[in-house]
Amino acid sequence: MTGVSLMDGVSGLSYGAAGPQDLGADECGRLAVLIDERLHSAGAEGELETVVVTGARHQLVLRVLPGCGDPLLLAVALERERANLALVLRHLDLYPAQEAA
């Protein structure tokens, strides 16, 4: 992992970050909202769960964590040569967020 950030999924307000790579909390939040809006306009039902963006050297995983109020967005940046994307996605799915009652 080269960076991780936890942010408000709507406003992009960062609650915390670690690692040398700045993930741009505001940009990640806008990207997740844009993708979610486009999916709904295309007829998709339900809420956005995970977005994976891959590049030649890096990968970005955005995971929506629903809860009370605005959802949280977890952004994880990975070095493509050193990370196992499937394992990262599996570990993120081991701890599903609990929906608010």
N, C-alpha and C. Protein backbone atom coordinates (compact mmCIF):
# COMPACT_ATOMS: atom_id res chain seq x y z
N MET A 1 0.84 -1.17 0.00
CA MET A 1 0.00 0.00 0.00
C MET A 1 0.88 1.24 0.00
N THR A 2 0.54 2.19 -0.82
CA THR A 2 1.30 3.43 -0.82
C THR A 2 0.53 4.56 -0.17
N GLY A 3 -0.73 4.34 0.12
CA GLY A 3 -1.52 5.36 0.79
C GLY A 3 -2.91 4.86 1.08
N VAL A 4 -3.50 5.42 2.12
CA VAL A 4 -4.87 5.09 2.48
C VAL A 4 -5.51 6.34 3.07
N SER A 5 -6.80 6.49 2.80
CA SER A 5 -7.51 7.66 3.30
C SER A 5 -8.96 7.26 3.60
N LEU A 6 -9.50 7.79 4.69
CA LEU A 6 -10.90 7.59 5.04
C LEU A 6 -11.55 8.96 4.98
N MET A 7 -12.64 9.04 4.22
CA MET A 7 -13.26 10.34 3.99
C MET A 7 -14.78 10.23 3.96
N ASP A 8 -15.43 11.38 4.06
CA ASP A 8 -16.87 11.46 3.89
C ASP A 8 -17.15 11.21 2.42
N GLY A 9 -18.04 10.28 2.12
CA GLY A 9 -18.31 9.89 0.74
C GLY A 9 -19.06 10.92 -0.08
N VAL A 10 -19.62 11.94 0.55
CA VAL A 10 -20.37 12.96 -0.18
C VAL A 10 -19.56 14.26 -0.29
N SER A 11 -19.05 14.73 0.84
CA SER A 11 -18.35 16.01 0.84
C SER A 11 -16.87 15.89 0.50
N GLY A 12 -16.29 14.69 0.69
CA GLY A 12 -14.87 14.51 0.45
C GLY A 12 -14.01 14.93 1.62
N LEU A 13 -14.62 15.32 2.76
CA LEU A 13 -13.88 15.70 3.94
C LEU A 13 -13.07 14.52 4.44
N SER A 14 -11.78 14.70 4.61
CA SER A 14 -10.89 13.62 5.03
C SER A 14 -10.92 13.48 6.54
N TYR A 15 -11.14 12.24 7.02
CA TYR A 15 -11.11 11.95 8.45
C TYR A 15 -9.74 11.46 8.88
N GLY A 16 -8.95 11.01 7.96
CA GLY A 16 -7.61 10.55 8.28
C GLY A 16 -6.93 9.96 7.06
N ALA A 17 -5.61 9.99 7.07
CA ALA A 17 -4.85 9.46 5.95
C ALA A 17 -3.51 8.96 6.46
N ALA A 18 -2.93 8.01 5.75
CA ALA A 18 -1.62 7.48 6.09
C ALA A 18 -0.89 7.13 4.81
N GLY A 19 0.42 7.22 4.87
CA GLY A 19 1.23 6.87 3.72
C GLY A 19 1.74 8.10 3.00
N PRO A 20 2.78 7.90 2.22
CA PRO A 20 3.41 9.03 1.53
C PRO A 20 2.62 9.55 0.34
N GLN A 21 1.69 8.77 -0.19
CA GLN A 21 0.96 9.19 -1.38
C GLN A 21 -0.31 9.92 -0.99
N ASP A 22 -0.47 11.15 -1.45
CA ASP A 22 -1.69 11.92 -1.21
C ASP A 22 -2.76 11.43 -2.17
N LEU A 23 -3.87 10.94 -1.62
CA LEU A 23 -4.92 10.37 -2.47
C LEU A 23 -5.92 11.40 -2.96
N GLY A 24 -5.85 12.61 -2.49
CA GLY A 24 -6.79 13.63 -2.94
C GLY A 24 -8.21 13.27 -2.53
N ALA A 25 -8.50 13.40 -1.23
CA ALA A 25 -9.79 12.97 -0.69
C ALA A 25 -10.96 13.59 -1.45
N ASP A 26 -10.87 14.87 -1.75
CA ASP A 26 -11.96 15.56 -2.44
C ASP A 26 -12.20 14.95 -3.82
N GLU A 27 -11.10 14.68 -4.56
CA GLU A 27 -11.23 14.10 -5.90
C GLU A 27 -11.79 12.69 -5.85
N CYS A 28 -11.35 11.90 -4.87
CA CYS A 28 -11.86 10.53 -4.73
C CYS A 28 -13.36 10.55 -4.42
N GLY A 29 -13.78 11.47 -3.55
CA GLY A 29 -15.20 11.59 -3.23
C GLY A 29 -16.02 11.98 -4.45
N ARG A 30 -15.52 12.94 -5.24
CA ARG A 30 -16.24 13.35 -6.45
C ARG A 30 -16.31 12.23 -7.46
N LEU A 31 -15.22 11.45 -7.58
CA LEU A 31 -15.22 10.32 -8.51
C LEU A 31 -16.26 9.29 -8.12
N ALA A 32 -16.34 8.95 -6.84
CA ALA A 32 -17.32 7.97 -6.38
C ALA A 32 -18.75 8.45 -6.62
N VAL A 33 -19.02 9.73 -6.34
CA VAL A 33 -20.36 10.28 -6.56
C VAL A 33 -20.70 10.26 -8.05
N LEU A 34 -19.75 10.65 -8.90
CA LEU A 34 -19.97 10.66 -10.35
C LEU A 34 -20.28 9.26 -10.87
N ILE A 35 -19.50 8.28 -10.46
CA ILE A 35 -19.73 6.90 -10.91
C ILE A 35 -21.08 6.41 -10.43
N ASP A 36 -21.41 6.69 -9.17
CA ASP A 36 -22.71 6.27 -8.62
C ASP A 36 -23.87 6.89 -9.40
N GLU A 37 -23.76 8.18 -9.71
CA GLU A 37 -24.82 8.86 -10.47
C GLU A 37 -24.96 8.26 -11.87
N ARG A 38 -23.84 7.98 -12.53
CA ARG A 38 -23.89 7.42 -13.89
C ARG A 38 -24.46 6.00 -13.89
N LEU A 39 -24.12 5.23 -12.87
CA LEU A 39 -24.68 3.88 -12.77
C LEU A 39 -26.19 3.93 -12.62
N HIS A 40 -26.68 4.85 -11.77
CA HIS A 40 -28.13 4.97 -11.58
C HIS A 40 -28.82 5.47 -12.83
N SER A 41 -28.19 6.41 -13.55
CA SER A 41 -28.81 6.91 -14.78
C SER A 41 -28.83 5.84 -15.87
N ALA A 42 -27.93 4.85 -15.76
CA ALA A 42 -27.90 3.74 -16.72
C ALA A 42 -28.84 2.61 -16.31
N GLY A 43 -29.54 2.79 -15.18
CA GLY A 43 -30.52 1.79 -14.75
C GLY A 43 -30.06 0.84 -13.67
N ALA A 44 -28.85 1.02 -13.15
CA ALA A 44 -28.37 0.13 -12.08
C ALA A 44 -29.13 0.42 -10.80
N GLU A 45 -29.40 -0.63 -10.06
CA GLU A 45 -30.10 -0.48 -8.78
C GLU A 45 -29.13 -0.74 -7.64
N GLY A 46 -29.48 -0.23 -6.46
CA GLY A 46 -28.62 -0.44 -5.30
C GLY A 46 -27.58 0.66 -5.19
N GLU A 47 -26.68 0.46 -4.24
CA GLU A 47 -25.66 1.46 -3.98
C GLU A 47 -24.30 0.99 -4.48
N LEU A 48 -23.47 1.95 -4.81
CA LEU A 48 -22.10 1.67 -5.23
C LEU A 48 -21.35 1.02 -4.08
N GLU A 49 -20.58 -0.03 -4.36
CA GLU A 49 -19.82 -0.71 -3.32
C GLU A 49 -18.31 -0.46 -3.47
N THR A 50 -17.76 -0.83 -4.62
CA THR A 50 -16.31 -0.75 -4.81
C THR A 50 -15.99 -0.28 -6.22
N VAL A 51 -14.99 0.57 -6.33
CA VAL A 51 -14.48 1.01 -7.62
C VAL A 51 -12.99 0.70 -7.64
N VAL A 52 -12.52 0.10 -8.73
CA VAL A 52 -11.10 -0.19 -8.89
C VAL A 52 -10.61 0.53 -10.15
N VAL A 53 -9.59 1.35 -9.98
CA VAL A 53 -8.98 2.07 -11.10
C VAL A 53 -7.55 1.54 -11.22
N THR A 54 -7.21 1.05 -12.42
CA THR A 54 -5.86 0.52 -12.60
C THR A 54 -5.09 1.36 -13.60
N GLY A 55 -3.83 1.55 -13.32
CA GLY A 55 -2.92 2.25 -14.22
C GLY A 55 -1.71 1.38 -14.46
N ALA A 56 -0.77 1.88 -15.19
CA ALA A 56 0.42 1.10 -15.52
C ALA A 56 1.25 0.76 -14.29
N ARG A 57 1.30 1.66 -13.31
CA ARG A 57 2.13 1.42 -12.13
C ARG A 57 1.34 1.37 -10.82
N HIS A 58 0.14 1.92 -10.80
CA HIS A 58 -0.61 1.99 -9.55
C HIS A 58 -2.05 1.53 -9.74
N GLN A 59 -2.67 1.18 -8.62
CA GLN A 59 -4.08 0.83 -8.59
C GLN A 59 -4.73 1.61 -7.46
N LEU A 60 -5.96 2.00 -7.65
CA LEU A 60 -6.72 2.73 -6.64
C LEU A 60 -8.00 1.96 -6.38
N VAL A 61 -8.26 1.65 -5.12
CA VAL A 61 -9.48 0.97 -4.72
C VAL A 61 -10.28 1.94 -3.87
N LEU A 62 -11.53 2.19 -4.27
CA LEU A 62 -12.45 3.02 -3.50
C LEU A 62 -13.55 2.10 -2.98
N ARG A 63 -13.72 2.05 -1.68
CA ARG A 63 -14.72 1.17 -1.06
C ARG A 63 -15.69 2.03 -0.27
N VAL A 64 -16.98 1.95 -0.59
CA VAL A 64 -18.02 2.70 0.11
C VAL A 64 -18.42 1.91 1.35
N LEU A 65 -18.42 2.59 2.48
CA LEU A 65 -18.81 1.98 3.75
C LEU A 65 -20.07 2.68 4.25
N PRO A 66 -21.27 2.09 3.98
CA PRO A 66 -22.51 2.75 4.39
C PRO A 66 -22.66 2.73 5.91
N GLY A 67 -23.42 3.67 6.40
CA GLY A 67 -23.67 3.74 7.83
C GLY A 67 -24.70 4.81 8.11
N CYS A 68 -24.70 5.34 9.31
CA CYS A 68 -25.61 6.42 9.66
C CYS A 68 -25.16 7.69 8.94
N GLY A 69 -26.10 8.40 8.35
CA GLY A 69 -25.75 9.63 7.65
C GLY A 69 -25.05 9.35 6.34
N ASP A 70 -24.13 10.24 5.98
CA ASP A 70 -23.39 10.09 4.73
C ASP A 70 -22.49 8.86 4.80
N PRO A 71 -22.33 8.16 3.68
CA PRO A 71 -21.44 7.00 3.68
C PRO A 71 -19.99 7.43 3.79
N LEU A 72 -19.17 6.55 4.31
CA LEU A 72 -17.73 6.78 4.34
C LEU A 72 -17.11 6.17 3.10
N LEU A 73 -16.00 6.71 2.67
CA LEU A 73 -15.29 6.21 1.51
C LEU A 73 -13.86 5.90 1.94
N LEU A 74 -13.45 4.66 1.73
CA LEU A 74 -12.10 4.24 2.02
C LEU A 74 -11.35 4.16 0.70
N ALA A 75 -10.26 4.90 0.59
CA ALA A 75 -9.44 4.90 -0.61
C ALA A 75 -8.09 4.27 -0.29
N VAL A 76 -7.68 3.30 -1.10
CA VAL A 76 -6.42 2.60 -0.90
C VAL A 76 -5.64 2.65 -2.21
N ALA A 77 -4.42 3.17 -2.14
CA ALA A 77 -3.54 3.21 -3.31
C ALA A 77 -2.53 2.08 -3.19
N LEU A 78 -2.31 1.37 -4.30
CA LEU A 78 -1.42 0.20 -4.32
C LEU A 78 -0.39 0.34 -5.43
N GLU A 79 0.79 -0.21 -5.19
CA GLU A 79 1.77 -0.36 -6.26
C GLU A 79 1.41 -1.63 -7.01
N ARG A 80 1.20 -1.51 -8.29
CA ARG A 80 0.71 -2.64 -9.09
C ARG A 80 1.67 -3.83 -9.06
N GLU A 81 2.97 -3.59 -9.10
CA GLU A 81 3.95 -4.67 -9.13
C GLU A 81 4.06 -5.42 -7.81
N ARG A 82 3.70 -4.77 -6.70
CA ARG A 82 3.90 -5.35 -5.38
C ARG A 82 2.63 -5.80 -4.70
N ALA A 83 1.47 -5.39 -5.20
CA ALA A 83 0.21 -5.67 -4.52
C ALA A 83 -0.57 -6.78 -5.22
N ASN A 84 -1.35 -7.49 -4.45
CA ASN A 84 -2.25 -8.50 -4.97
C ASN A 84 -3.66 -7.93 -4.87
N LEU A 85 -4.18 -7.41 -5.97
CA LEU A 85 -5.48 -6.74 -5.97
C LEU A 85 -6.59 -7.66 -5.50
N ALA A 86 -6.59 -8.91 -5.94
CA ALA A 86 -7.63 -9.85 -5.53
C ALA A 86 -7.64 -10.05 -4.02
N LEU A 87 -6.47 -10.13 -3.43
CA LEU A 87 -6.37 -10.32 -1.98
C LEU A 87 -6.85 -9.07 -1.24
N VAL A 88 -6.52 -7.90 -1.75
CA VAL A 88 -6.99 -6.66 -1.13
C VAL A 88 -8.50 -6.60 -1.17
N LEU A 89 -9.10 -6.90 -2.32
CA LEU A 89 -10.56 -6.88 -2.43
C LEU A 89 -11.20 -7.90 -1.50
N ARG A 90 -10.60 -9.06 -1.39
CA ARG A 90 -11.12 -10.10 -0.50
C ARG A 90 -11.09 -9.64 0.95
N HIS A 91 -9.99 -9.02 1.35
CA HIS A 91 -9.89 -8.54 2.73
C HIS A 91 -10.88 -7.42 3.01
N LEU A 92 -11.13 -6.57 2.04
CA LEU A 92 -12.13 -5.52 2.23
C LEU A 92 -13.52 -6.11 2.39
N ASP A 93 -13.81 -7.22 1.73
CA ASP A 93 -15.11 -7.86 1.84
C ASP A 93 -15.28 -8.68 3.12
N LEU A 94 -14.19 -8.95 3.84
CA LEU A 94 -14.30 -9.71 5.09
C LEU A 94 -14.97 -8.90 6.19
N TYR A 95 -14.95 -7.59 6.06
CA TYR A 95 -15.49 -6.72 7.10
C TYR A 95 -16.58 -5.82 6.52
N PRO A 96 -17.73 -6.40 6.16
CA PRO A 96 -18.78 -5.57 5.57
C PRO A 96 -19.33 -4.57 6.57
N ALA A 97 -19.64 -3.41 6.08
CA ALA A 97 -20.22 -2.38 6.94
C ALA A 97 -21.64 -2.78 7.29
N GLN A 98 -22.04 -2.49 8.50
CA GLN A 98 -23.40 -2.78 8.96
C GLN A 98 -24.30 -1.61 8.59
N GLU A 99 -25.43 -1.94 7.98
CA GLU A 99 -26.40 -0.90 7.66
C GLU A 99 -27.03 -0.38 8.94
N ALA A 100 -27.30 0.91 8.97
CA ALA A 100 -27.97 1.51 10.14
C ALA A 100 -29.42 1.06 10.16
N ALA A 101 -29.92 0.80 11.32
CA ALA A 101 -31.32 0.35 11.46
C ALA A 101 -32.25 1.53 11.54
